[in-house]
Amino acid sequence: MTHLSLQTDLGIEHVAELQAALQPHLDAPALRLDGGSVERVHAAGLQLLHAFVRDRAARGHQTTITGASPTLAGAARQLALDRSLGLDPADAGPAR
């Protein structure tokens, strides 16, 4: 399994950096993204993550985000992307 840590800032101005970090892992058989250091999130960052996870799933590859920071988990939950992003249910916390 491949492990990759997400950057601290997933704001719109950092989406190109996120895409560059994720792209080499598009065909990794199993990928675990560590979201523990994420401090800032914009919808654009979550949209890119969602597209990446969706594209990997279409290729038959599993992606899981583990250790999601409260910021990342909360933003994903607010946009109803926690499941589609493969967030570890323990990270997602209770629905509000």
Protein backbone atom coordinates (compact mmCIF):
# COMPACT_ATOMS: atom_id res chain seq x y z
CA MET A 1 0.00 0.00 0.00
CA THR A 2 1.24 3.47 -0.90
CA HIS A 3 1.09 6.21 1.75
CA LEU A 4 1.00 9.93 0.98
CA SER A 5 0.52 12.88 3.33
CA LEU A 6 -1.78 15.64 2.16
CA GLN A 7 -0.41 19.18 2.36
CA THR A 8 -1.56 21.52 5.13
CA ASP A 9 -3.32 23.94 2.79
CA LEU A 10 -5.89 22.64 0.33
CA GLY A 11 -7.01 26.13 -0.62
CA ILE A 12 -7.84 27.02 -4.21
CA GLU A 13 -4.44 28.63 -4.74
CA HIS A 14 -2.75 25.29 -3.91
CA VAL A 15 -4.87 22.99 -6.07
CA ALA A 16 -2.16 22.72 -8.76
CA GLU A 17 0.32 21.56 -6.10
CA LEU A 18 -2.19 19.00 -4.84
CA GLN A 19 -2.81 17.72 -8.34
CA ALA A 20 0.94 17.42 -8.97
CA ALA A 21 1.35 15.45 -5.72
CA LEU A 22 -1.56 13.10 -6.46
CA GLN A 23 -1.04 12.45 -10.19
CA PRO A 24 1.91 10.02 -9.84
CA HIS A 25 -0.27 7.82 -7.60
CA LEU A 26 -3.24 7.51 -9.95
CA ASP A 27 -2.47 3.87 -10.71
CA ALA A 28 -1.17 2.73 -7.31
CA PRO A 29 -3.16 -0.41 -6.41
CA ALA A 30 -4.03 0.86 -2.93
CA LEU A 31 -3.44 4.36 -1.66
CA ARG A 32 -3.72 5.73 1.86
CA LEU A 33 -3.77 9.52 2.14
CA ASP A 34 -2.92 10.96 5.54
CA GLY A 35 -5.11 14.00 6.13
CA GLY A 36 -3.90 14.77 9.64
CA SER A 37 -1.97 17.91 8.79
CA VAL A 38 -4.71 19.62 6.74
CA GLU A 39 -5.45 23.00 8.32
CA ARG A 40 -7.27 24.81 5.50
CA VAL A 41 -9.68 23.53 2.86
CA HIS A 42 -11.57 25.10 -0.02
CA ALA A 43 -14.22 23.40 -2.10
CA ALA A 44 -11.77 23.32 -5.03
CA GLY A 45 -9.37 21.15 -3.01
CA LEU A 46 -12.16 18.77 -2.07
CA GLN A 47 -13.40 18.66 -5.66
CA LEU A 48 -9.93 17.69 -6.85
CA LEU A 49 -9.65 15.01 -4.17
CA HIS A 50 -13.10 13.71 -5.12
CA ALA A 51 -12.20 13.54 -8.83
CA PHE A 52 -8.93 11.77 -8.00
CA VAL A 53 -10.64 9.18 -5.78
CA ARG A 54 -13.40 8.69 -8.37
CA ASP A 55 -10.88 8.22 -11.20
CA ARG A 56 -8.92 5.71 -9.13
CA ALA A 57 -12.10 3.79 -8.28
CA ALA A 58 -13.00 3.64 -11.98
CA ARG A 59 -9.61 1.96 -12.51
CA GLY A 60 -10.37 -0.52 -9.72
CA HIS A 61 -8.08 1.07 -7.12
CA GLN A 62 -8.95 1.77 -3.49
CA THR A 63 -8.21 5.11 -1.83
CA THR A 64 -8.62 5.84 1.87
CA ILE A 65 -8.06 9.08 3.73
CA THR A 66 -6.95 8.33 7.27
CA GLY A 67 -6.26 10.51 10.26
CA ALA A 68 -8.27 13.35 8.72
CA SER A 69 -7.91 16.57 10.64
CA PRO A 70 -11.12 18.07 12.06
CA THR A 71 -10.89 20.73 9.33
CA LEU A 72 -10.73 18.18 6.51
CA ALA A 73 -13.33 15.84 8.01
CA GLY A 74 -15.73 18.70 8.73
CA ALA A 75 -15.43 20.21 5.26
CA ALA A 76 -15.91 16.83 3.58
CA ARG A 77 -18.93 16.10 5.77
CA GLN A 78 -20.47 19.52 5.05
CA LEU A 79 -20.23 18.90 1.32
CA ALA A 80 -21.40 15.28 1.71
CA LEU A 81 -18.10 14.04 0.29
CA ASP A 82 -16.88 12.07 3.31
CA ARG A 83 -17.96 8.69 1.92
CA SER A 84 -17.00 9.34 -1.68
CA LEU A 85 -13.57 10.53 -0.54
CA GLY A 86 -13.01 7.30 1.31
CA LEU A 87 -12.68 9.00 4.67
CA ASP A 88 -12.11 6.56 7.47
CA PRO A 89 -15.50 6.53 9.33
CA ALA A 90 -13.68 7.03 12.63
CA ASP A 91 -12.34 10.34 11.29
CA ALA A 92 -15.67 11.62 10.02
CA GLY A 93 -17.22 11.94 13.47
CA PRO A 94 -20.95 12.32 14.10
CA ALA A 95 -23.11 13.92 11.44
CA ARG A 96 -24.55 17.33 12.26
